[in-house]
Amino acid sequence: MNQGTIILTSTGLSADPVRHAMEKFFNVLPHKSVAIVTTASEDKERNTYAKLAESQFTELGFDTVDFIDIEHNPHADFSAYSVIYVCGGNTFKLLKYAREANFKDTIIKLLNRGGVYIGVSAGTIILSPTIQTAALGDPDPNEVGLIDLKGLDLINFEVHPHDDSSHDEELLSYQKTIPNKVVRISNSQAVIISGSEQEFIG
């Protein structure tokens, strides 16, 4: 799984330092094709941020930019894409449908072929051992009634996106109750994991 790259963000391509850091990984892809996963987003592919991502990838020279919703298309074939970009939105909903679609296996296959996974907020949180940080700060509503909050466990730490100082006290209290490290990323920061290398941007 160490041939690929995982990029954990709060706002995707919207922060200049993060976008700039991503470009070096895009430039070495054999083909520029991205699947934008809209499952967590309100209004799916009509969501403002999903449409923004579509235009950003087009500007970056991607030939194929497709929307995929694993809630309604759990058997979608991602094998032709070099990048999977998972939009933000409701983390509980995203995890529910990611499990049902065996999305973890899809991500592992992407990384094994040297692809790039980009998580945005909810799309970042689901890779953690647990999605409990989605209930902190400005919490997502658990509208799907998810009881088991175990994440896809593709990274060994938890992430708190959209971080700012107003979350300090709650996060410090939470950190004392768990074995995992919590990495905080603001809207202009990212964590890039490529092979055994880990880099903090912003």
N, C-alpha and C. Protein backbone atom coordinates (compact mmCIF):
# COMPACT_ATOMS: atom_id res chain seq x y z
N MET A 1 0.82 -1.20 0.00
CA MET A 1 0.00 0.00 0.00
C MET A 1 0.85 1.26 0.00
N ASN A 2 2.18 1.11 -0.01
CA ASN A 2 3.01 2.30 0.15
C ASN A 2 3.42 2.96 -1.16
N GLN A 3 2.87 2.48 -2.30
CA GLN A 3 3.21 3.17 -3.55
C GLN A 3 2.39 4.45 -3.73
N GLY A 4 1.21 4.50 -3.10
CA GLY A 4 0.31 5.62 -3.31
C GLY A 4 0.47 6.72 -2.28
N THR A 5 -0.42 7.71 -2.39
CA THR A 5 -0.35 8.90 -1.54
C THR A 5 -1.72 9.19 -0.96
N ILE A 6 -1.74 9.50 0.34
CA ILE A 6 -2.96 9.92 1.01
C ILE A 6 -2.78 11.39 1.39
N ILE A 7 -3.75 12.21 1.03
CA ILE A 7 -3.70 13.64 1.35
C ILE A 7 -4.94 13.98 2.17
N LEU A 8 -4.71 14.39 3.41
CA LEU A 8 -5.79 14.67 4.35
C LEU A 8 -5.97 16.17 4.47
N THR A 9 -7.15 16.67 4.13
CA THR A 9 -7.40 18.11 4.11
C THR A 9 -8.72 18.45 4.79
N SER A 10 -8.91 19.75 5.04
CA SER A 10 -10.21 20.26 5.48
C SER A 10 -11.01 20.80 4.31
N THR A 11 -10.29 21.38 3.32
CA THR A 11 -10.98 22.09 2.23
C THR A 11 -10.47 21.70 0.84
N GLY A 12 -9.86 20.53 0.73
CA GLY A 12 -9.45 20.05 -0.59
C GLY A 12 -8.41 20.93 -1.26
N LEU A 13 -8.72 21.33 -2.48
CA LEU A 13 -7.78 22.10 -3.30
C LEU A 13 -7.89 23.61 -3.07
N SER A 14 -8.71 24.03 -2.12
CA SER A 14 -9.03 25.45 -1.99
C SER A 14 -7.96 26.29 -1.30
N ALA A 15 -7.08 25.67 -0.52
CA ALA A 15 -5.99 26.43 0.11
C ALA A 15 -4.75 26.35 -0.78
N ASP A 16 -4.20 27.49 -1.15
CA ASP A 16 -3.09 27.52 -2.10
C ASP A 16 -1.89 26.66 -1.70
N PRO A 17 -1.44 26.69 -0.44
CA PRO A 17 -0.27 25.86 -0.08
C PRO A 17 -0.55 24.37 -0.25
N VAL A 18 -1.79 23.98 0.05
CA VAL A 18 -2.18 22.57 -0.06
C VAL A 18 -2.25 22.17 -1.53
N ARG A 19 -2.89 22.99 -2.32
CA ARG A 19 -3.00 22.71 -3.76
C ARG A 19 -1.61 22.62 -4.40
N HIS A 20 -0.74 23.55 -4.03
CA HIS A 20 0.62 23.55 -4.58
C HIS A 20 1.36 22.26 -4.21
N ALA A 21 1.18 21.82 -2.97
CA ALA A 21 1.84 20.59 -2.52
C ALA A 21 1.31 19.37 -3.25
N MET A 22 0.03 19.40 -3.61
CA MET A 22 -0.57 18.27 -4.32
C MET A 22 -0.05 18.13 -5.75
N GLU A 23 0.26 19.26 -6.36
CA GLU A 23 0.56 19.25 -7.79
C GLU A 23 1.74 18.35 -8.14
N LYS A 24 2.73 18.24 -7.26
CA LYS A 24 3.88 17.38 -7.58
C LYS A 24 3.47 15.92 -7.67
N PHE A 25 2.43 15.54 -6.94
CA PHE A 25 1.94 14.16 -7.02
C PHE A 25 1.09 13.96 -8.28
N PHE A 26 0.33 14.99 -8.66
CA PHE A 26 -0.47 14.91 -9.88
C PHE A 26 0.43 14.83 -11.12
N ASN A 27 1.53 15.57 -11.09
CA ASN A 27 2.38 15.68 -12.28
C ASN A 27 3.03 14.37 -12.69
N VAL A 28 3.16 13.43 -11.77
CA VAL A 28 3.80 12.16 -12.11
C VAL A 28 2.79 11.04 -12.37
N LEU A 29 1.50 11.36 -12.35
CA LEU A 29 0.50 10.34 -12.63
C LEU A 29 0.54 9.95 -14.10
N PRO A 30 0.37 8.66 -14.41
CA PRO A 30 0.39 8.23 -15.81
C PRO A 30 -0.78 8.80 -16.61
N HIS A 31 -1.90 9.03 -15.93
CA HIS A 31 -3.04 9.69 -16.57
C HIS A 31 -3.80 10.46 -15.51
N LYS A 32 -4.35 11.59 -15.90
CA LYS A 32 -5.03 12.47 -14.95
C LYS A 32 -6.54 12.22 -15.00
N SER A 33 -6.99 11.34 -14.10
CA SER A 33 -8.42 11.03 -14.04
C SER A 33 -8.82 10.98 -12.57
N VAL A 34 -9.93 11.64 -12.25
CA VAL A 34 -10.35 11.72 -10.85
C VAL A 34 -11.82 11.35 -10.69
N ALA A 35 -12.10 10.59 -9.65
CA ALA A 35 -13.47 10.32 -9.23
C ALA A 35 -13.74 11.18 -8.00
N ILE A 36 -14.73 12.05 -8.10
CA ILE A 36 -15.14 12.89 -6.97
C ILE A 36 -16.32 12.20 -6.29
N VAL A 37 -16.08 11.72 -5.06
CA VAL A 37 -17.11 10.97 -4.34
C VAL A 37 -17.97 11.96 -3.54
N THR A 38 -19.24 12.03 -3.90
CA THR A 38 -20.14 13.07 -3.37
C THR A 38 -21.06 12.57 -2.26
N THR A 39 -20.86 11.37 -1.79
CA THR A 39 -21.81 10.70 -0.88
C THR A 39 -22.13 11.50 0.37
N ALA A 40 -21.14 12.16 0.96
CA ALA A 40 -21.36 12.90 2.22
C ALA A 40 -22.02 14.25 1.99
N SER A 41 -22.00 14.73 0.75
CA SER A 41 -22.39 16.11 0.47
C SER A 41 -23.89 16.28 0.34
N GLU A 42 -24.37 17.38 0.90
CA GLU A 42 -25.76 17.75 0.66
C GLU A 42 -25.90 18.11 -0.81
N ASP A 43 -26.93 17.59 -1.45
CA ASP A 43 -27.19 17.81 -2.89
C ASP A 43 -26.20 17.11 -3.82
N LYS A 44 -25.35 16.25 -3.23
CA LYS A 44 -24.45 15.40 -4.04
C LYS A 44 -23.66 16.22 -5.05
N GLU A 45 -23.75 15.83 -6.36
CA GLU A 45 -22.91 16.50 -7.35
C GLU A 45 -23.34 17.94 -7.63
N ARG A 46 -24.50 18.34 -7.13
CA ARG A 46 -24.93 19.74 -7.29
C ARG A 46 -24.41 20.61 -6.14
N ASN A 47 -23.73 20.00 -5.19
CA ASN A 47 -23.18 20.74 -4.07
C ASN A 47 -22.14 21.76 -4.55
N THR A 48 -22.16 22.93 -3.94
CA THR A 48 -21.25 24.01 -4.35
C THR A 48 -19.79 23.57 -4.31
N TYR A 49 -19.41 22.86 -3.24
CA TYR A 49 -18.00 22.46 -3.08
C TYR A 49 -17.62 21.33 -4.03
N ALA A 50 -18.57 20.46 -4.32
CA ALA A 50 -18.31 19.40 -5.29
C ALA A 50 -18.09 20.01 -6.68
N LYS A 51 -18.92 20.98 -7.03
CA LYS A 51 -18.77 21.64 -8.34
C LYS A 51 -17.47 22.45 -8.40
N LEU A 52 -17.10 23.04 -7.27
CA LEU A 52 -15.82 23.77 -7.21
C LEU A 52 -14.67 22.80 -7.44
N ALA A 53 -14.71 21.63 -6.81
CA ALA A 53 -13.65 20.64 -7.01
C ALA A 53 -13.56 20.23 -8.47
N GLU A 54 -14.72 20.05 -9.10
CA GLU A 54 -14.75 19.69 -10.53
C GLU A 54 -14.01 20.73 -11.36
N SER A 55 -14.29 22.02 -11.11
CA SER A 55 -13.63 23.07 -11.89
C SER A 55 -12.14 23.15 -11.56
N GLN A 56 -11.77 22.90 -10.30
CA GLN A 56 -10.36 22.95 -9.91
C GLN A 56 -9.56 21.84 -10.60
N PHE A 57 -10.10 20.64 -10.65
CA PHE A 57 -9.40 19.55 -11.33
C PHE A 57 -9.30 19.81 -12.84
N THR A 58 -10.33 20.39 -13.41
CA THR A 58 -10.30 20.72 -14.84
C THR A 58 -9.19 21.74 -15.10
N GLU A 59 -9.08 22.75 -14.23
CA GLU A 59 -8.02 23.76 -14.35
C GLU A 59 -6.63 23.13 -14.25
N LEU A 60 -6.52 22.06 -13.47
CA LEU A 60 -5.23 21.39 -13.29
C LEU A 60 -4.92 20.41 -14.43
N GLY A 61 -5.76 20.37 -15.43
CA GLY A 61 -5.47 19.57 -16.61
C GLY A 61 -5.93 18.13 -16.55
N PHE A 62 -6.86 17.82 -15.65
CA PHE A 62 -7.41 16.46 -15.59
C PHE A 62 -8.34 16.23 -16.78
N ASP A 63 -8.11 15.11 -17.47
CA ASP A 63 -8.90 14.79 -18.66
C ASP A 63 -10.25 14.20 -18.29
N THR A 64 -10.29 13.44 -17.21
CA THR A 64 -11.53 12.79 -16.77
C THR A 64 -11.84 13.25 -15.36
N VAL A 65 -13.01 13.86 -15.20
CA VAL A 65 -13.47 14.32 -13.87
C VAL A 65 -14.91 13.85 -13.72
N ASP A 66 -15.10 12.79 -12.93
CA ASP A 66 -16.43 12.19 -12.79
C ASP A 66 -16.92 12.28 -11.35
N PHE A 67 -18.23 12.41 -11.21
CA PHE A 67 -18.86 12.32 -9.89
C PHE A 67 -19.34 10.89 -9.66
N ILE A 68 -19.09 10.36 -8.47
CA ILE A 68 -19.60 9.04 -8.11
C ILE A 68 -20.19 9.12 -6.70
N ASP A 69 -21.36 8.53 -6.52
CA ASP A 69 -22.02 8.48 -5.21
C ASP A 69 -22.13 7.01 -4.80
N ILE A 70 -21.36 6.61 -3.79
CA ILE A 70 -21.36 5.20 -3.40
C ILE A 70 -22.60 4.81 -2.60
N GLU A 71 -23.42 5.79 -2.22
CA GLU A 71 -24.71 5.45 -1.60
C GLU A 71 -25.63 4.80 -2.64
N HIS A 72 -25.71 5.41 -3.80
CA HIS A 72 -26.61 4.91 -4.85
C HIS A 72 -25.90 4.05 -5.88
N ASN A 73 -24.58 4.03 -5.83
CA ASN A 73 -23.80 3.21 -6.77
C ASN A 73 -22.70 2.48 -6.00
N PRO A 74 -23.08 1.55 -5.09
CA PRO A 74 -22.09 0.91 -4.22
C PRO A 74 -21.11 0.00 -4.96
N HIS A 75 -21.47 -0.39 -6.19
CA HIS A 75 -20.60 -1.28 -6.96
C HIS A 75 -19.82 -0.53 -8.03
N ALA A 76 -19.68 0.77 -7.86
CA ALA A 76 -18.95 1.59 -8.84
C ALA A 76 -17.54 1.06 -9.04
N ASP A 77 -17.08 1.13 -10.28
CA ASP A 77 -15.73 0.67 -10.62
C ASP A 77 -14.79 1.87 -10.63
N PHE A 78 -13.84 1.88 -9.70
CA PHE A 78 -12.89 2.99 -9.58
C PHE A 78 -11.55 2.66 -10.23
N SER A 79 -11.45 1.53 -10.89
CA SER A 79 -10.14 1.04 -11.33
C SER A 79 -9.46 1.92 -12.38
N ALA A 80 -10.24 2.74 -13.08
CA ALA A 80 -9.66 3.58 -14.14
C ALA A 80 -9.16 4.93 -13.63
N TYR A 81 -9.38 5.22 -12.35
CA TYR A 81 -9.04 6.55 -11.82
C TYR A 81 -7.68 6.55 -11.13
N SER A 82 -6.93 7.61 -11.35
CA SER A 82 -5.65 7.76 -10.66
C SER A 82 -5.78 8.56 -9.37
N VAL A 83 -6.91 9.28 -9.22
CA VAL A 83 -7.18 10.05 -8.01
C VAL A 83 -8.62 9.78 -7.56
N ILE A 84 -8.80 9.56 -6.27
CA ILE A 84 -10.13 9.55 -5.67
C ILE A 84 -10.19 10.70 -4.68
N TYR A 85 -11.16 11.57 -4.88
CA TYR A 85 -11.33 12.78 -4.07
C TYR A 85 -12.66 12.64 -3.34
N VAL A 86 -12.61 12.56 -2.01
CA VAL A 86 -13.84 12.30 -1.24
C VAL A 86 -14.29 13.58 -0.55
N CYS A 87 -15.43 14.09 -0.99
CA CYS A 87 -15.95 15.37 -0.50
C CYS A 87 -16.34 15.30 0.97
N GLY A 88 -16.39 16.50 1.56
CA GLY A 88 -16.87 16.62 2.93
C GLY A 88 -18.39 16.58 3.00
N GLY A 89 -18.87 16.72 4.22
CA GLY A 89 -20.31 16.63 4.47
C GLY A 89 -20.53 15.85 5.75
N ASN A 90 -21.49 14.94 5.74
CA ASN A 90 -21.82 14.20 6.95
C ASN A 90 -20.95 12.95 7.08
N THR A 91 -20.11 12.93 8.11
CA THR A 91 -19.14 11.85 8.29
C THR A 91 -19.83 10.52 8.60
N PHE A 92 -20.88 10.57 9.41
CA PHE A 92 -21.59 9.34 9.78
C PHE A 92 -22.21 8.67 8.55
N LYS A 93 -22.83 9.49 7.74
CA LYS A 93 -23.45 8.99 6.50
C LYS A 93 -22.38 8.41 5.57
N LEU A 94 -21.29 9.13 5.43
CA LEU A 94 -20.22 8.67 4.54
C LEU A 94 -19.67 7.32 5.00
N LEU A 95 -19.42 7.18 6.30
CA LEU A 95 -18.88 5.92 6.80
C LEU A 95 -19.85 4.77 6.59
N LYS A 96 -21.11 5.00 6.84
CA LYS A 96 -22.13 3.96 6.64
C LYS A 96 -22.07 3.40 5.21
N TYR A 97 -22.09 4.30 4.24
CA TYR A 97 -22.12 3.85 2.85
C TYR A 97 -20.74 3.38 2.36
N ALA A 98 -19.67 3.89 2.97
CA ALA A 98 -18.34 3.38 2.64
C ALA A 98 -18.21 1.92 3.06
N ARG A 99 -18.75 1.59 4.22
CA ARG A 99 -18.73 0.19 4.66
C ARG A 99 -19.55 -0.68 3.71
N GLU A 100 -20.74 -0.22 3.37
CA GLU A 100 -21.63 -1.02 2.52
C GLU A 100 -21.04 -1.23 1.13
N ALA A 101 -20.25 -0.27 0.68
CA ALA A 101 -19.66 -0.35 -0.66
C ALA A 101 -18.27 -1.00 -0.64
N ASN A 102 -17.81 -1.44 0.55
CA ASN A 102 -16.45 -1.98 0.69
C ASN A 102 -15.42 -0.98 0.13
N PHE A 103 -15.62 0.28 0.49
CA PHE A 103 -14.79 1.36 -0.06
C PHE A 103 -13.35 1.28 0.42
N LYS A 104 -13.13 0.68 1.59
CA LYS A 104 -11.76 0.51 2.07
C LYS A 104 -10.94 -0.28 1.06
N ASP A 105 -11.52 -1.33 0.52
CA ASP A 105 -10.82 -2.14 -0.47
C ASP A 105 -10.51 -1.33 -1.73
N THR A 106 -11.45 -0.48 -2.12
CA THR A 106 -11.26 0.41 -3.28
C THR A 106 -10.06 1.33 -3.06
N ILE A 107 -9.96 1.89 -1.85
CA ILE A 107 -8.86 2.81 -1.53
C ILE A 107 -7.52 2.06 -1.54
N ILE A 108 -7.51 0.88 -0.95
CA ILE A 108 -6.26 0.08 -0.92
C ILE A 108 -5.80 -0.24 -2.34
N LYS A 109 -6.73 -0.60 -3.20
CA LYS A 109 -6.38 -0.89 -4.61
C LYS A 109 -5.83 0.35 -5.30
N LEU A 110 -6.43 1.50 -5.04
CA LEU A 110 -5.95 2.77 -5.61
C LEU A 110 -4.50 3.02 -5.18
N LEU A 111 -4.23 2.87 -3.88
CA LEU A 111 -2.88 3.13 -3.36
C LEU A 111 -1.89 2.10 -3.90
N ASN A 112 -2.32 0.88 -4.05
CA ASN A 112 -1.43 -0.17 -4.57
C ASN A 112 -1.01 0.10 -6.01
N ARG A 113 -1.83 0.82 -6.76
CA ARG A 113 -1.45 1.14 -8.14
C ARG A 113 -0.84 2.54 -8.25
N GLY A 114 -0.45 3.10 -7.09
CA GLY A 114 0.26 4.38 -7.10
C GLY A 114 -0.61 5.59 -7.21
N GLY A 115 -1.90 5.44 -6.91
CA GLY A 115 -2.83 6.55 -7.02
C GLY A 115 -2.81 7.47 -5.81
N VAL A 116 -3.67 8.48 -5.86
CA VAL A 116 -3.74 9.51 -4.82
C VAL A 116 -5.15 9.55 -4.24
N TYR A 117 -5.24 9.42 -2.93
CA TYR A 117 -6.52 9.60 -2.22
C TYR A 117 -6.50 10.96 -1.57
N ILE A 118 -7.52 11.77 -1.84
CA ILE A 118 -7.66 13.08 -1.20
C ILE A 118 -8.94 13.09 -0.38
N GLY A 119 -8.79 13.29 0.92
CA GLY A 119 -9.95 13.40 1.79
C GLY A 119 -10.22 14.86 2.12
N VAL A 120 -11.48 15.23 2.09
CA VAL A 120 -11.90 16.57 2.49
C VAL A 120 -12.80 16.43 3.71
N SER A 121 -12.36 16.91 4.86
CA SER A 121 -13.16 16.90 6.09
C SER A 121 -13.69 15.48 6.39
N ALA A 122 -14.95 15.19 6.11
CA ALA A 122 -15.48 13.85 6.35
C ALA A 122 -14.68 12.78 5.62
N GLY A 123 -14.23 13.12 4.41
CA GLY A 123 -13.42 12.19 3.62
C GLY A 123 -12.06 11.93 4.22
N THR A 124 -11.61 12.85 5.07
CA THR A 124 -10.38 12.68 5.85
C THR A 124 -10.64 11.84 7.10
N ILE A 125 -11.70 12.19 7.83
CA ILE A 125 -11.99 11.55 9.12
C ILE A 125 -12.21 10.05 8.98
N ILE A 126 -12.87 9.61 7.91
CA ILE A 126 -13.22 8.17 7.81
C ILE A 126 -12.01 7.26 7.71
N LEU A 127 -10.83 7.80 7.35
CA LEU A 127 -9.64 6.94 7.25
C LEU A 127 -9.07 6.59 8.62
N SER A 128 -9.49 7.31 9.66
CA SER A 128 -8.95 7.14 11.01
C SER A 128 -9.43 5.83 11.65
N PRO A 129 -8.82 5.45 12.80
CA PRO A 129 -9.29 4.27 13.52
C PRO A 129 -10.74 4.42 14.01
N THR A 130 -11.16 5.67 14.28
CA THR A 130 -12.54 5.96 14.70
C THR A 130 -12.93 7.33 14.17
N ILE A 131 -14.23 7.53 13.99
CA ILE A 131 -14.70 8.83 13.49
C ILE A 131 -15.22 9.71 14.63
N GLN A 132 -14.81 9.44 15.85
CA GLN A 132 -15.35 10.17 17.00
C GLN A 132 -15.10 11.68 16.93
N THR A 133 -14.06 12.11 16.22
CA THR A 133 -13.81 13.56 16.12
C THR A 133 -14.93 14.27 15.36
N ALA A 134 -15.74 13.53 14.59
CA ALA A 134 -16.87 14.14 13.88
C ALA A 134 -17.94 14.64 14.84
N ALA A 135 -17.86 14.17 16.10
CA ALA A 135 -18.84 14.60 17.11
C ALA A 135 -18.30 15.74 17.97
N LEU A 136 -17.12 16.25 17.63
CA LEU A 136 -16.48 17.33 18.39
C LEU A 136 -16.54 18.64 17.62
N GLY A 137 -16.26 19.74 18.31
CA GLY A 137 -16.21 21.05 17.64
C GLY A 137 -17.59 21.44 17.16
N ASP A 138 -17.76 21.48 15.85
CA ASP A 138 -19.09 21.70 15.25
C ASP A 138 -19.56 20.34 14.76
N PRO A 139 -20.25 19.58 15.62
CA PRO A 139 -20.49 18.16 15.34
C PRO A 139 -21.42 17.91 14.16
N ASP A 140 -21.13 16.82 13.44
CA ASP A 140 -22.05 16.34 12.41
C ASP A 140 -23.22 15.64 13.10
N PRO A 141 -24.43 15.80 12.60
CA PRO A 141 -25.54 15.02 13.15
C PRO A 141 -25.43 13.56 12.69
N ASN A 142 -25.67 12.65 13.61
CA ASN A 142 -25.62 11.22 13.26
C ASN A 142 -26.98 10.82 12.69
N GLU A 143 -27.25 11.32 11.51
CA GLU A 143 -28.59 11.17 10.93
C GLU A 143 -28.89 9.76 10.44
N VAL A 144 -27.86 8.92 10.34
CA VAL A 144 -28.08 7.54 9.90
C VAL A 144 -28.11 6.57 11.08
N GLY A 145 -27.99 7.10 12.31
CA GLY A 145 -28.06 6.26 13.49
C GLY A 145 -26.91 5.27 13.63
N LEU A 146 -25.73 5.69 13.22
CA LEU A 146 -24.56 4.80 13.28
C LEU A 146 -24.15 4.59 14.74
N ILE A 147 -24.01 3.33 15.13
CA ILE A 147 -23.62 3.00 16.51
C ILE A 147 -22.12 2.68 16.59
N ASP A 148 -21.64 1.88 15.66
CA ASP A 148 -20.22 1.53 15.60
C ASP A 148 -19.47 2.63 14.87
N LEU A 149 -18.61 3.35 15.58
CA LEU A 149 -17.90 4.49 14.99
C LEU A 149 -16.49 4.14 14.54
N LYS A 150 -16.19 2.86 14.42
CA LYS A 150 -14.87 2.44 13.93
C LYS A 150 -14.69 2.91 12.49
N GLY A 151 -13.56 3.59 12.24
CA GLY A 151 -13.29 4.10 10.90
C GLY A 151 -12.68 3.04 10.00
N LEU A 152 -12.19 3.46 8.84
CA LEU A 152 -11.59 2.51 7.90
C LEU A 152 -10.19 2.10 8.32
N ASP A 153 -9.61 2.81 9.26
CA ASP A 153 -8.35 2.40 9.90
C ASP A 153 -7.20 2.29 8.89
N LEU A 154 -7.14 3.24 7.97
CA LEU A 154 -6.04 3.27 6.99
C LEU A 154 -4.92 4.21 7.43
N ILE A 155 -5.17 4.97 8.49
CA ILE A 155 -4.12 5.77 9.13
C ILE A 155 -4.17 5.46 10.63
N ASN A 156 -3.08 5.71 11.34
CA ASN A 156 -3.02 5.29 12.74
C ASN A 156 -3.23 6.45 13.72
N PHE A 157 -3.89 7.49 13.25
CA PHE A 157 -4.20 8.63 14.11
C PHE A 157 -5.57 9.18 13.74
N GLU A 158 -6.13 9.97 14.62
CA GLU A 158 -7.40 10.63 14.34
C GLU A 158 -7.13 12.04 13.82
N VAL A 159 -8.10 12.59 13.10
CA VAL A 159 -7.92 13.92 12.52
C VAL A 159 -9.10 14.81 12.91
N HIS A 160 -8.76 16.04 13.27
CA HIS A 160 -9.80 17.04 13.55
C HIS A 160 -9.67 18.15 12.51
N PRO A 161 -10.50 18.10 11.45
CA PRO A 161 -10.43 19.13 10.41
C PRO A 161 -11.13 20.43 10.84
N HIS A 162 -10.95 21.48 10.06
CA HIS A 162 -11.54 22.81 10.32
C HIS A 162 -11.16 23.28 11.72
N ASP A 163 -9.95 22.99 12.12
CA ASP A 163 -9.54 23.28 13.49
C ASP A 163 -9.34 24.77 13.71
N ASP A 164 -9.76 25.24 14.87
CA ASP A 164 -9.37 26.58 15.31
C ASP A 164 -9.29 26.57 16.83
N SER A 165 -8.83 27.67 17.42
CA SER A 165 -8.54 27.69 18.86
C SER A 165 -9.78 27.50 19.73
N SER A 166 -10.96 27.73 19.17
CA SER A 166 -12.18 27.57 19.97
C SER A 166 -12.43 26.12 20.35
N HIS A 167 -11.74 25.19 19.69
CA HIS A 167 -11.91 23.76 19.96
C HIS A 167 -10.90 23.23 20.98
N ASP A 168 -9.99 24.10 21.46
CA ASP A 168 -8.87 23.64 22.29
C ASP A 168 -9.30 22.81 23.50
N GLU A 169 -10.20 23.36 24.28
CA GLU A 169 -10.55 22.71 25.55
C GLU A 169 -11.20 21.34 25.31
N GLU A 170 -12.13 21.30 24.37
CA GLU A 170 -12.83 20.05 24.08
C GLU A 170 -11.86 18.99 23.55
N LEU A 171 -10.95 19.40 22.68
CA LEU A 171 -10.00 18.45 22.10
C LEU A 171 -9.00 17.94 23.13
N LEU A 172 -8.55 18.82 24.01
CA LEU A 172 -7.62 18.40 25.05
C LEU A 172 -8.27 17.39 25.99
N SER A 173 -9.53 17.61 26.32
CA SER A 173 -10.26 16.67 27.17
C SER A 173 -10.43 15.33 26.46
N TYR A 174 -10.78 15.39 25.17
CA TYR A 174 -10.97 14.17 24.39
C TYR A 174 -9.66 13.39 24.27
N GLN A 175 -8.57 14.09 24.01
CA GLN A 175 -7.26 13.44 23.82
C GLN A 175 -6.88 12.61 25.04
N LYS A 176 -7.28 13.05 26.23
CA LYS A 176 -6.94 12.33 27.46
C LYS A 176 -7.67 11.00 27.59
N THR A 177 -8.74 10.82 26.81
CA THR A 177 -9.58 9.62 26.97
C THR A 177 -9.29 8.54 25.94
N ILE A 178 -8.37 8.80 25.00
CA ILE A 178 -8.16 7.86 23.88
C ILE A 178 -6.69 7.49 23.73
N PRO A 179 -6.42 6.34 23.10
CA PRO A 179 -5.03 5.94 22.89
C PRO A 179 -4.39 6.58 21.66
N ASN A 180 -5.21 7.04 20.73
CA ASN A 180 -4.67 7.57 19.47
C ASN A 180 -4.27 9.03 19.59
N LYS A 181 -3.35 9.43 18.74
CA LYS A 181 -3.01 10.84 18.60
C LYS A 181 -4.10 11.52 17.77
N VAL A 182 -4.42 12.78 18.10
CA VAL A 182 -5.34 13.56 17.28
C VAL A 182 -4.53 14.64 16.56
N VAL A 183 -4.56 14.62 15.24
CA VAL A 183 -3.88 15.64 14.43
C VAL A 183 -4.90 16.69 14.02
N ARG A 184 -4.59 17.92 14.36
CA ARG A 184 -5.51 19.02 14.07
C ARG A 184 -5.08 19.72 12.78
N ILE A 185 -6.02 19.90 11.86
CA ILE A 185 -5.70 20.64 10.62
C ILE A 185 -6.73 21.74 10.40
N SER A 186 -6.23 22.93 10.17
CA SER A 186 -7.10 24.06 9.87
C SER A 186 -7.53 23.98 8.40
N ASN A 187 -8.29 24.99 7.97
CA ASN A 187 -8.76 25.00 6.58
C ASN A 187 -7.64 25.23 5.57
N SER A 188 -6.47 25.66 6.03
CA SER A 188 -5.36 25.90 5.10
C SER A 188 -4.22 24.91 5.28
N GLN A 189 -4.48 23.83 6.00
CA GLN A 189 -3.43 22.84 6.28
C GLN A 189 -3.79 21.47 5.70
N ALA A 190 -2.78 20.59 5.66
CA ALA A 190 -3.00 19.23 5.19
C ALA A 190 -1.91 18.32 5.74
N VAL A 191 -2.20 17.04 5.76
CA VAL A 191 -1.20 16.02 6.04
C VAL A 191 -1.07 15.16 4.79
N ILE A 192 0.18 14.98 4.34
CA ILE A 192 0.43 14.15 3.15
C ILE A 192 1.24 12.93 3.58
N ILE A 193 0.70 11.75 3.29
CA ILE A 193 1.37 10.50 3.60
C ILE A 193 1.70 9.81 2.28
N SER A 194 2.99 9.70 2.00
CA SER A 194 3.43 9.09 0.75
C SER A 194 4.50 8.06 1.08
N GLY A 195 4.15 6.79 0.92
CA GLY A 195 5.05 5.73 1.35
C GLY A 195 5.23 5.81 2.85
N SER A 196 6.47 5.83 3.30
CA SER A 196 6.74 5.94 4.74
C SER A 196 6.94 7.38 5.17
N GLU A 197 6.82 8.31 4.22
CA GLU A 197 7.03 9.73 4.53
C GLU A 197 5.72 10.39 4.93
N GLN A 198 5.77 11.27 5.91
CA GLN A 198 4.60 12.03 6.32
C GLN A 198 5.01 13.51 6.42
N GLU A 199 4.20 14.35 5.80
CA GLU A 199 4.53 15.78 5.71
C GLU A 199 3.32 16.59 6.15
N PHE A 200 3.57 17.63 6.93
CA PHE A 200 2.50 18.54 7.36
C PHE A 200 2.62 19.83 6.56
N ILE A 201 1.53 20.22 5.90
CA ILE A 201 1.54 21.41 5.04
C ILE A 201 0.76 22.52 5.72
N GLY A 202 1.28 23.73 5.68
CA GLY A 202 0.55 24.89 6.16
C GLY A 202 0.90 25.29 7.58
